[in-house]
Structure formats: structure tokens, C-alpha cells
ModelCIF file with pLDDT and N, C-alpha, C, O atoms, coordinates in Angstrom:
data_MODEL
#
_entry.id   MODEL 
#
_entity.id                         1 
_entity.type                       polymer 
_entity.pdbx_number_of_molecules   1 
#
_entity_poly.entity_id                      1 
_entity_poly.type                           'polypeptide(L)' 
_entity_poly.nstd_linkage                   no 
_entity_poly.nstd_monomer                   no 
_entity_poly.pdbx_seq_one_letter_code       SEKDLFLLDAASGADAVLELLDELSVVGKQLHVATSGDGAN 
_entity_poly.pdbx_seq_one_letter_code_can   SEKDLFLLDAASGADAVLELLDELSVVGKQLHVATSGDGAN 
_entity_poly.pdbx_strand_id                 A 
#
loop_
_entity_poly_seq.entity_id 
_entity_poly_seq.num 
_entity_poly_seq.mon_id 
_entity_poly_seq.hetero 
1 1  SER n 
1 2  GLU n 
1 3  LYS n 
1 4  ASP n 
1 5  LEU n 
1 6  PHE n 
1 7  LEU n 
1 8  LEU n 
1 9  ASP n 
1 10 ALA n 
1 11 ALA n 
1 12 SER n 
1 13 GLY n 
1 14 ALA n 
1 15 ASP n 
1 16 ALA n 
1 17 VAL n 
1 18 LEU n 
1 19 GLU n 
1 20 LEU n 
1 21 LEU n 
1 22 ASP n 
1 23 GLU n 
1 24 LEU n 
1 25 SER n 
1 26 VAL n 
1 27 VAL n 
1 28 GLY n 
1 29 LYS n 
1 30 GLN n 
1 31 LEU n 
1 32 HIS n 
1 33 VAL n 
1 34 ALA n 
1 35 THR n 
1 36 SER n 
1 37 GLY n 
1 38 ASP n 
1 39 GLY n 
1 40 ALA n 
1 41 ASN n 
#
_struct_asym.id          A 
_struct_asym.entity_id   1 
#
loop_
_ma_qa_metric.id 
_ma_qa_metric.mode 
_ma_qa_metric.name 
_ma_qa_metric.software_group_id 
_ma_qa_metric.type 
1 global pLDDT . pLDDT 
2 local  pLDDT . pLDDT 
#
_ma_qa_metric_global.metric_id      1 
_ma_qa_metric_global.metric_value   81.34 
_ma_qa_metric_global.model_id       1 
_ma_qa_metric_global.ordinal_id     1 
#
loop_
_ma_qa_metric_local.label_asym_id 
_ma_qa_metric_local.label_comp_id 
_ma_qa_metric_local.label_seq_id 
_ma_qa_metric_local.metric_id 
_ma_qa_metric_local.metric_value 
_ma_qa_metric_local.model_id 
_ma_qa_metric_local.ordinal_id 
A SER 1  2 94.00 1 1  
A GLU 2  2 92.00 1 2  
A LYS 3  2 91.00 1 3  
A ASP 4  2 84.00 1 4  
A LEU 5  2 90.00 1 5  
A PHE 6  2 88.00 1 6  
A LEU 7  2 89.00 1 7  
A LEU 8  2 89.00 1 8  
A ASP 9  2 89.00 1 9  
A ALA 10 2 88.00 1 10 
A ALA 11 2 84.00 1 11 
A SER 12 2 82.00 1 12 
A GLY 13 2 84.00 1 13 
A ALA 14 2 86.00 1 14 
A ASP 15 2 88.00 1 15 
A ALA 16 2 90.00 1 16 
A VAL 17 2 90.00 1 17 
A LEU 18 2 90.00 1 18 
A GLU 19 2 90.00 1 19 
A LEU 20 2 90.00 1 20 
A LEU 21 2 89.00 1 21 
A ASP 22 2 88.00 1 22 
A GLU 23 2 86.00 1 23 
A LEU 24 2 84.00 1 24 
A SER 25 2 80.00 1 25 
A VAL 26 2 84.00 1 26 
A VAL 27 2 81.00 1 27 
A GLY 28 2 79.00 1 28 
A LYS 29 2 78.00 1 29 
A GLN 30 2 74.00 1 30 
A LEU 31 2 76.00 1 31 
A HIS 32 2 73.00 1 32 
A VAL 33 2 73.00 1 33 
A ALA 34 2 67.00 1 34 
A THR 35 2 68.00 1 35 
A SER 36 2 60.00 1 36 
A GLY 37 2 62.00 1 37 
A ASP 38 2 62.00 1 38 
A GLY 39 2 60.00 1 39 
A ALA 40 2 67.00 1 40 
A ASN 41 2 76.00 1 41 
#
loop_
_atom_site.group_PDB 
_atom_site.id 
_atom_site.type_symbol 
_atom_site.label_atom_id 
_atom_site.label_alt_id 
_atom_site.label_comp_id 
_atom_site.label_asym_id 
_atom_site.label_entity_id 
_atom_site.label_seq_id 
_atom_site.pdbx_PDB_ins_code 
_atom_site.Cartn_x 
_atom_site.Cartn_y 
_atom_site.Cartn_z 
_atom_site.occupancy 
_atom_site.B_iso_or_equiv 
_atom_site.pdbx_formal_charge 
_atom_site.auth_seq_id 
_atom_site.auth_comp_id 
_atom_site.auth_asym_id 
_atom_site.auth_atom_id 
_atom_site.pdbx_PDB_model_num 
ATOM 1   N N  . SER A 1 1  ? -4.373 93.035 37.765 1.00 94.00 ? 1  SER A N  1 
ATOM 2   C CA . SER A 1 1  ? -3.673 92.044 37.230 1.00 94.00 ? 1  SER A CA 1 
ATOM 3   C C  . SER A 1 1  ? -2.073 92.445 36.629 1.00 94.00 ? 1  SER A C  1 
ATOM 4   O O  . SER A 1 1  ? -1.971 93.651 36.403 1.00 94.00 ? 1  SER A O  1 
ATOM 5   N N  . GLU A 1 2  ? -1.098 91.818 36.402 1.00 92.00 ? 2  GLU A N  1 
ATOM 6   C CA . GLU A 1 2  ? -0.033 92.346 35.753 1.00 92.00 ? 2  GLU A CA 1 
ATOM 7   C C  . GLU A 1 2  ? 0.370  90.784 34.979 1.00 92.00 ? 2  GLU A C  1 
ATOM 8   O O  . GLU A 1 2  ? 0.248  89.636 35.407 1.00 92.00 ? 2  GLU A O  1 
ATOM 9   N N  . LYS A 1 3  ? 1.037  91.456 33.309 1.00 91.00 ? 3  LYS A N  1 
ATOM 10  C CA . LYS A 1 3  ? 1.225  90.417 32.698 1.00 91.00 ? 3  LYS A CA 1 
ATOM 11  C C  . LYS A 1 3  ? 2.677  90.626 32.468 1.00 91.00 ? 3  LYS A C  1 
ATOM 12  O O  . LYS A 1 3  ? 3.373  89.631 32.676 1.00 91.00 ? 3  LYS A O  1 
ATOM 13  N N  . ASP A 1 4  ? 3.321  91.775 32.059 1.00 84.00 ? 4  ASP A N  1 
ATOM 14  C CA . ASP A 1 4  ? 5.099  91.951 31.790 1.00 84.00 ? 4  ASP A CA 1 
ATOM 15  C C  . ASP A 1 4  ? 5.972  91.798 33.248 1.00 84.00 ? 4  ASP A C  1 
ATOM 16  O O  . ASP A 1 4  ? 6.511  92.670 33.930 1.00 84.00 ? 4  ASP A O  1 
ATOM 17  N N  . LEU A 1 5  ? 5.884  90.328 33.436 1.00 90.00 ? 5  LEU A N  1 
ATOM 18  C CA . LEU A 1 5  ? 6.608  89.619 34.591 1.00 90.00 ? 5  LEU A CA 1 
ATOM 19  C C  . LEU A 1 5  ? 7.449  88.424 34.002 1.00 90.00 ? 5  LEU A C  1 
ATOM 20  O O  . LEU A 1 5  ? 7.264  87.677 33.042 1.00 90.00 ? 5  LEU A O  1 
ATOM 21  N N  . PHE A 1 6  ? 8.419  88.528 34.925 1.00 88.00 ? 6  PHE A N  1 
ATOM 22  C CA . PHE A 1 6  ? 9.255  87.198 34.970 1.00 88.00 ? 6  PHE A CA 1 
ATOM 23  C C  . PHE A 1 6  ? 9.840  86.979 35.872 1.00 88.00 ? 6  PHE A C  1 
ATOM 24  O O  . PHE A 1 6  ? 10.396 87.971 36.343 1.00 88.00 ? 6  PHE A O  1 
ATOM 25  N N  . LEU A 1 7  ? 10.024 85.886 36.484 1.00 89.00 ? 7  LEU A N  1 
ATOM 26  C CA . LEU A 1 7  ? 10.785 85.359 37.358 1.00 89.00 ? 7  LEU A CA 1 
ATOM 27  C C  . LEU A 1 7  ? 12.121 84.802 37.436 1.00 89.00 ? 7  LEU A C  1 
ATOM 28  O O  . LEU A 1 7  ? 12.579 83.897 36.739 1.00 89.00 ? 7  LEU A O  1 
ATOM 29  N N  . LEU A 1 8  ? 12.576 85.313 38.174 1.00 89.00 ? 8  LEU A N  1 
ATOM 30  C CA . LEU A 1 8  ? 14.063 85.317 38.559 1.00 89.00 ? 8  LEU A CA 1 
ATOM 31  C C  . LEU A 1 8  ? 14.151 84.253 39.902 1.00 89.00 ? 8  LEU A C  1 
ATOM 32  O O  . LEU A 1 8  ? 13.693 84.515 41.015 1.00 89.00 ? 8  LEU A O  1 
ATOM 33  N N  . ASP A 1 9  ? 14.802 83.082 39.547 1.00 89.00 ? 9  ASP A N  1 
ATOM 34  C CA . ASP A 1 9  ? 14.962 82.216 40.679 1.00 89.00 ? 9  ASP A CA 1 
ATOM 35  C C  . ASP A 1 9  ? 16.266 81.446 40.585 1.00 89.00 ? 9  ASP A C  1 
ATOM 36  O O  . ASP A 1 9  ? 16.685 80.624 39.770 1.00 89.00 ? 9  ASP A O  1 
ATOM 37  N N  . ALA A 1 10 ? 16.825 82.041 41.809 1.00 88.00 ? 10 ALA A N  1 
ATOM 38  C CA . ALA A 1 10 ? 18.737 81.251 42.100 1.00 88.00 ? 10 ALA A CA 1 
ATOM 39  C C  . ALA A 1 10 ? 18.632 80.115 43.142 1.00 88.00 ? 10 ALA A C  1 
ATOM 40  O O  . ALA A 1 10 ? 17.847 80.056 44.088 1.00 88.00 ? 10 ALA A O  1 
ATOM 41  N N  . ALA A 1 11 ? 19.519 79.283 42.804 1.00 84.00 ? 11 ALA A N  1 
ATOM 42  C CA . ALA A 1 11 ? 19.843 78.125 43.321 1.00 84.00 ? 11 ALA A CA 1 
ATOM 43  C C  . ALA A 1 11 ? 19.831 78.498 44.857 1.00 84.00 ? 11 ALA A C  1 
ATOM 44  O O  . ALA A 1 11 ? 19.032 78.237 45.757 1.00 84.00 ? 11 ALA A O  1 
ATOM 45  N N  . SER A 1 12 ? 21.008 79.203 44.821 1.00 82.00 ? 12 SER A N  1 
ATOM 46  C CA . SER A 1 12 ? 22.324 79.976 45.803 1.00 82.00 ? 12 SER A CA 1 
ATOM 47  C C  . SER A 1 12 ? 22.633 81.430 45.248 1.00 82.00 ? 12 SER A C  1 
ATOM 48  O O  . SER A 1 12 ? 22.440 82.041 44.197 1.00 82.00 ? 12 SER A O  1 
ATOM 49  N N  . GLY A 1 13 ? 23.311 81.720 46.702 1.00 84.00 ? 13 GLY A N  1 
ATOM 50  C CA . GLY A 1 13 ? 23.918 83.373 46.246 1.00 84.00 ? 13 GLY A CA 1 
ATOM 51  C C  . GLY A 1 13 ? 23.059 84.158 46.000 1.00 84.00 ? 13 GLY A C  1 
ATOM 52  O O  . GLY A 1 13 ? 22.868 84.844 44.996 1.00 84.00 ? 13 GLY A O  1 
ATOM 53  N N  . ALA A 1 14 ? 22.091 83.999 47.662 1.00 86.00 ? 14 ALA A N  1 
ATOM 54  C CA . ALA A 1 14 ? 21.152 85.172 47.308 1.00 86.00 ? 14 ALA A CA 1 
ATOM 55  C C  . ALA A 1 14 ? 21.936 86.782 47.526 1.00 86.00 ? 14 ALA A C  1 
ATOM 56  O O  . ALA A 1 14 ? 21.729 87.653 46.682 1.00 86.00 ? 14 ALA A O  1 
ATOM 57  N N  . ASP A 1 15 ? 22.501 86.953 48.283 1.00 88.00 ? 15 ASP A N  1 
ATOM 58  C CA . ASP A 1 15 ? 23.207 88.467 48.575 1.00 88.00 ? 15 ASP A CA 1 
ATOM 59  C C  . ASP A 1 15 ? 23.654 88.611 47.620 1.00 88.00 ? 15 ASP A C  1 
ATOM 60  O O  . ASP A 1 15 ? 23.728 89.810 47.349 1.00 88.00 ? 15 ASP A O  1 
ATOM 61  N N  . ALA A 1 16 ? 24.324 87.497 46.318 1.00 90.00 ? 16 ALA A N  1 
ATOM 62  C CA . ALA A 1 16 ? 25.779 88.406 45.199 1.00 90.00 ? 16 ALA A CA 1 
ATOM 63  C C  . ALA A 1 16 ? 24.537 88.709 44.531 1.00 90.00 ? 16 ALA A C  1 
ATOM 64  O O  . ALA A 1 16 ? 24.450 89.847 44.071 1.00 90.00 ? 16 ALA A O  1 
ATOM 65  N N  . VAL A 1 17 ? 23.379 87.786 44.354 1.00 90.00 ? 17 VAL A N  1 
ATOM 66  C CA . VAL A 1 17 ? 22.895 88.238 43.198 1.00 90.00 ? 17 VAL A CA 1 
ATOM 67  C C  . VAL A 1 17 ? 21.836 89.389 43.489 1.00 90.00 ? 17 VAL A C  1 
ATOM 68  O O  . VAL A 1 17 ? 21.339 90.071 42.593 1.00 90.00 ? 17 VAL A O  1 
ATOM 69  N N  . LEU A 1 18 ? 21.590 89.506 44.633 1.00 90.00 ? 18 LEU A N  1 
ATOM 70  C CA . LEU A 1 18 ? 20.868 90.861 44.923 1.00 90.00 ? 18 LEU A CA 1 
ATOM 71  C C  . LEU A 1 18 ? 22.366 92.110 44.933 1.00 90.00 ? 18 LEU A C  1 
ATOM 72  O O  . LEU A 1 18 ? 22.331 92.725 43.867 1.00 90.00 ? 18 LEU A O  1 
ATOM 73  N N  . GLU A 1 19 ? 22.810 92.284 45.262 1.00 90.00 ? 19 GLU A N  1 
ATOM 74  C CA . GLU A 1 19 ? 23.935 92.694 44.941 1.00 90.00 ? 19 GLU A CA 1 
ATOM 75  C C  . GLU A 1 19 ? 24.066 93.420 43.502 1.00 90.00 ? 19 GLU A C  1 
ATOM 76  O O  . GLU A 1 19 ? 24.054 94.635 43.304 1.00 90.00 ? 19 GLU A O  1 
ATOM 77  N N  . LEU A 1 20 ? 24.201 92.318 42.478 1.00 90.00 ? 20 LEU A N  1 
ATOM 78  C CA . LEU A 1 20 ? 24.158 92.763 41.012 1.00 90.00 ? 20 LEU A CA 1 
ATOM 79  C C  . LEU A 1 20 ? 22.815 93.012 40.591 1.00 90.00 ? 20 LEU A C  1 
ATOM 80  O O  . LEU A 1 20 ? 22.650 92.762 39.397 1.00 90.00 ? 20 LEU A O  1 
ATOM 81  N N  . LEU A 1 21 ? 21.744 93.450 41.232 1.00 89.00 ? 21 LEU A N  1 
ATOM 82  C CA . LEU A 1 21 ? 20.382 93.634 41.154 1.00 89.00 ? 21 LEU A CA 1 
ATOM 83  C C  . LEU A 1 21 ? 20.758 95.446 41.441 1.00 89.00 ? 21 LEU A C  1 
ATOM 84  O O  . LEU A 1 21 ? 20.405 96.316 40.645 1.00 89.00 ? 21 LEU A O  1 
ATOM 85  N N  . ASP A 1 22 ? 21.494 95.715 42.676 1.00 88.00 ? 22 ASP A N  1 
ATOM 86  C CA . ASP A 1 22 ? 21.559 96.851 42.726 1.00 88.00 ? 22 ASP A CA 1 
ATOM 87  C C  . ASP A 1 22 ? 22.142 98.005 42.135 1.00 88.00 ? 22 ASP A C  1 
ATOM 88  O O  . ASP A 1 22 ? 21.932 99.213 42.031 1.00 88.00 ? 22 ASP A O  1 
ATOM 89  N N  . GLU A 1 23 ? 23.258 96.820 41.666 1.00 86.00 ? 23 GLU A N  1 
ATOM 90  C CA . GLU A 1 23 ? 23.935 97.309 41.090 1.00 86.00 ? 23 GLU A CA 1 
ATOM 91  C C  . GLU A 1 23 ? 23.744 98.099 39.461 1.00 86.00 ? 23 GLU A C  1 
ATOM 92  O O  . GLU A 1 23 ? 24.431 99.020 39.018 1.00 86.00 ? 23 GLU A O  1 
ATOM 93  N N  . LEU A 1 24 ? 22.475 97.328 38.724 1.00 84.00 ? 24 LEU A N  1 
ATOM 94  C CA . LEU A 1 24 ? 21.950 97.202 37.896 1.00 84.00 ? 24 LEU A CA 1 
ATOM 95  C C  . LEU A 1 24 ? 20.496 97.929 38.169 1.00 84.00 ? 24 LEU A C  1 
ATOM 96  O O  . LEU A 1 24 ? 19.629 97.890 37.295 1.00 84.00 ? 24 LEU A O  1 
ATOM 97  N N  . SER A 1 25 ? 20.379 98.282 38.836 1.00 80.00 ? 25 SER A N  1 
ATOM 98  C CA . SER A 1 25 ? 19.133 99.488 39.366 1.00 80.00 ? 25 SER A CA 1 
ATOM 99  C C  . SER A 1 25 ? 18.127 98.666 39.223 1.00 80.00 ? 25 SER A C  1 
ATOM 100 O O  . SER A 1 25 ? 17.067 99.204 38.905 1.00 80.00 ? 25 SER A O  1 
ATOM 101 N N  . VAL A 1 26 ? 18.122 97.028 39.416 1.00 84.00 ? 26 VAL A N  1 
ATOM 102 C CA . VAL A 1 26 ? 16.567 96.623 39.024 1.00 84.00 ? 26 VAL A CA 1 
ATOM 103 C C  . VAL A 1 26 ? 15.837 96.349 40.333 1.00 84.00 ? 26 VAL A C  1 
ATOM 104 O O  . VAL A 1 26 ? 16.627 95.775 41.083 1.00 84.00 ? 26 VAL A O  1 
ATOM 105 N N  . VAL A 1 27 ? 14.796 96.503 40.843 1.00 81.00 ? 27 VAL A N  1 
ATOM 106 C CA . VAL A 1 27 ? 13.565 96.432 41.890 1.00 81.00 ? 27 VAL A CA 1 
ATOM 107 C C  . VAL A 1 27 ? 12.801 95.118 41.532 1.00 81.00 ? 27 VAL A C  1 
ATOM 108 O O  . VAL A 1 27 ? 12.307 94.871 40.432 1.00 81.00 ? 27 VAL A O  1 
ATOM 109 N N  . GLY A 1 28 ? 12.787 94.496 42.386 1.00 79.00 ? 28 GLY A N  1 
ATOM 110 C CA . GLY A 1 28 ? 11.853 93.443 42.481 1.00 79.00 ? 28 GLY A CA 1 
ATOM 111 C C  . GLY A 1 28 ? 10.161 93.700 42.981 1.00 79.00 ? 28 GLY A C  1 
ATOM 112 O O  . GLY A 1 28 ? 9.664  94.804 43.203 1.00 79.00 ? 28 GLY A O  1 
ATOM 113 N N  . LYS A 1 29 ? 9.794  93.002 43.034 1.00 78.00 ? 29 LYS A N  1 
ATOM 114 C CA . LYS A 1 29 ? 8.032  93.220 43.172 1.00 78.00 ? 29 LYS A CA 1 
ATOM 115 C C  . LYS A 1 29 ? 7.660  92.103 44.507 1.00 78.00 ? 29 LYS A C  1 
ATOM 116 O O  . LYS A 1 29 ? 7.093  92.376 45.565 1.00 78.00 ? 29 LYS A O  1 
ATOM 117 N N  . GLN A 1 30 ? 7.984  91.297 44.221 1.00 74.00 ? 30 GLN A N  1 
ATOM 118 C CA . GLN A 1 30 ? 7.686  90.192 45.635 1.00 74.00 ? 30 GLN A CA 1 
ATOM 119 C C  . GLN A 1 30 ? 9.125  89.242 45.155 1.00 74.00 ? 30 GLN A C  1 
ATOM 120 O O  . GLN A 1 30 ? 9.535  88.958 44.030 1.00 74.00 ? 30 GLN A O  1 
ATOM 121 N N  . LEU A 1 31 ? 9.810  88.817 46.887 1.00 76.00 ? 31 LEU A N  1 
ATOM 122 C CA . LEU A 1 31 ? 11.102 88.848 47.369 1.00 76.00 ? 31 LEU A CA 1 
ATOM 123 C C  . LEU A 1 31 ? 10.895 87.558 48.278 1.00 76.00 ? 31 LEU A C  1 
ATOM 124 O O  . LEU A 1 31 ? 10.315 87.702 49.354 1.00 76.00 ? 31 LEU A O  1 
ATOM 125 N N  . HIS A 1 32 ? 11.358 86.277 47.876 1.00 73.00 ? 32 HIS A N  1 
ATOM 126 C CA . HIS A 1 32 ? 11.515 85.345 49.210 1.00 73.00 ? 32 HIS A CA 1 
ATOM 127 C C  . HIS A 1 32 ? 13.148 84.467 48.848 1.00 73.00 ? 32 HIS A C  1 
ATOM 128 O O  . HIS A 1 32 ? 13.883 83.924 48.023 1.00 73.00 ? 32 HIS A O  1 
ATOM 129 N N  . VAL A 1 33 ? 12.889 84.924 50.335 1.00 73.00 ? 33 VAL A N  1 
ATOM 130 C CA . VAL A 1 33 ? 14.917 83.830 50.255 1.00 73.00 ? 33 VAL A CA 1 
ATOM 131 C C  . VAL A 1 33 ? 14.728 83.003 51.716 1.00 73.00 ? 33 VAL A C  1 
ATOM 132 O O  . VAL A 1 33 ? 14.408 83.123 52.898 1.00 73.00 ? 33 VAL A O  1 
ATOM 133 N N  . ALA A 1 34 ? 15.193 82.060 50.664 1.00 67.00 ? 34 ALA A N  1 
ATOM 134 C CA . ALA A 1 34 ? 15.343 81.044 52.016 1.00 67.00 ? 34 ALA A CA 1 
ATOM 135 C C  . ALA A 1 34 ? 16.546 81.132 52.967 1.00 67.00 ? 34 ALA A C  1 
ATOM 136 O O  . ALA A 1 34 ? 17.539 81.574 52.389 1.00 67.00 ? 34 ALA A O  1 
ATOM 137 N N  . THR A 1 35 ? 16.718 80.870 54.117 1.00 68.00 ? 35 THR A N  1 
ATOM 138 C CA . THR A 1 35 ? 17.712 80.804 54.809 1.00 68.00 ? 35 THR A CA 1 
ATOM 139 C C  . THR A 1 35 ? 17.812 79.927 55.875 1.00 68.00 ? 35 THR A C  1 
ATOM 140 O O  . THR A 1 35 ? 18.453 80.008 56.923 1.00 68.00 ? 35 THR A O  1 
ATOM 141 N N  . SER A 1 36 ? 16.928 78.907 55.350 1.00 60.00 ? 36 SER A N  1 
ATOM 142 C CA . SER A 1 36 ? 17.108 77.851 56.385 1.00 60.00 ? 36 SER A CA 1 
ATOM 143 C C  . SER A 1 36 ? 17.076 76.159 55.658 1.00 60.00 ? 36 SER A C  1 
ATOM 144 O O  . SER A 1 36 ? 16.885 76.445 54.476 1.00 60.00 ? 36 SER A O  1 
ATOM 145 N N  . GLY A 1 37 ? 17.149 74.722 55.711 1.00 62.00 ? 37 GLY A N  1 
ATOM 146 C CA . GLY A 1 37 ? 16.741 74.175 54.774 1.00 62.00 ? 37 GLY A CA 1 
ATOM 147 C C  . GLY A 1 37 ? 17.943 73.684 53.695 1.00 62.00 ? 37 GLY A C  1 
ATOM 148 O O  . GLY A 1 37 ? 19.111 74.069 53.735 1.00 62.00 ? 37 GLY A O  1 
ATOM 149 N N  . ASP A 1 38 ? 17.422 72.828 52.814 1.00 62.00 ? 38 ASP A N  1 
ATOM 150 C CA . ASP A 1 38 ? 18.418 72.441 51.839 1.00 62.00 ? 38 ASP A CA 1 
ATOM 151 C C  . ASP A 1 38 ? 18.059 73.760 50.751 1.00 62.00 ? 38 ASP A C  1 
ATOM 152 O O  . ASP A 1 38 ? 18.793 73.949 49.782 1.00 62.00 ? 38 ASP A O  1 
ATOM 153 N N  . GLY A 1 39 ? 17.329 74.296 50.912 1.00 60.00 ? 39 GLY A N  1 
ATOM 154 C CA . GLY A 1 39 ? 17.569 75.242 49.854 1.00 60.00 ? 39 GLY A CA 1 
ATOM 155 C C  . GLY A 1 39 ? 17.515 76.653 50.470 1.00 60.00 ? 39 GLY A C  1 
ATOM 156 O O  . GLY A 1 39 ? 16.895 77.654 50.111 1.00 60.00 ? 39 GLY A O  1 
ATOM 157 N N  . ALA A 1 40 ? 18.420 76.415 51.594 1.00 67.00 ? 40 ALA A N  1 
ATOM 158 C CA . ALA A 1 40 ? 18.967 77.915 52.051 1.00 67.00 ? 40 ALA A CA 1 
ATOM 159 C C  . ALA A 1 40 ? 19.926 78.814 51.612 1.00 67.00 ? 40 ALA A C  1 
ATOM 160 O O  . ALA A 1 40 ? 20.908 78.248 51.133 1.00 67.00 ? 40 ALA A O  1 
ATOM 161 N N  . ASN A 1 41 ? 19.973 80.011 51.614 1.00 76.00 ? 41 ASN A N  1 
ATOM 162 C CA . ASN A 1 41 ? 20.628 81.138 50.579 1.00 76.00 ? 41 ASN A CA 1 
ATOM 163 C C  . ASN A 1 41 ? 19.796 81.097 49.056 1.00 76.00 ? 41 ASN A C  1 
ATOM 164 O O  . ASN A 1 41 ? 20.131 81.859 48.148 1.00 76.00 ? 41 ASN A O  1 
#
């Protein structure tokens, strides 16, 4: 188990968010990007 977690939820602009995370050297543990439907990107 892990306890010290938080969830980042972006409604859009997935690539821009990931670019910022790279800039700040932040690595995610589990990642889901929607590429189709109403929640695309």
C-alpha cells in the first residue's frame, strides 16, 4: 500500500500538462490519457 499520494486531473491539454511535469521533473505513477470521446485529451 501507499498513502502519500494525490491525483492530478486535467480536463484538457494533456500534452501541455505533461510538458510542465517534465519541466519540473515530476514523475507520475499511474497515467490515463483519453484520446477519443467527450473527454478527449
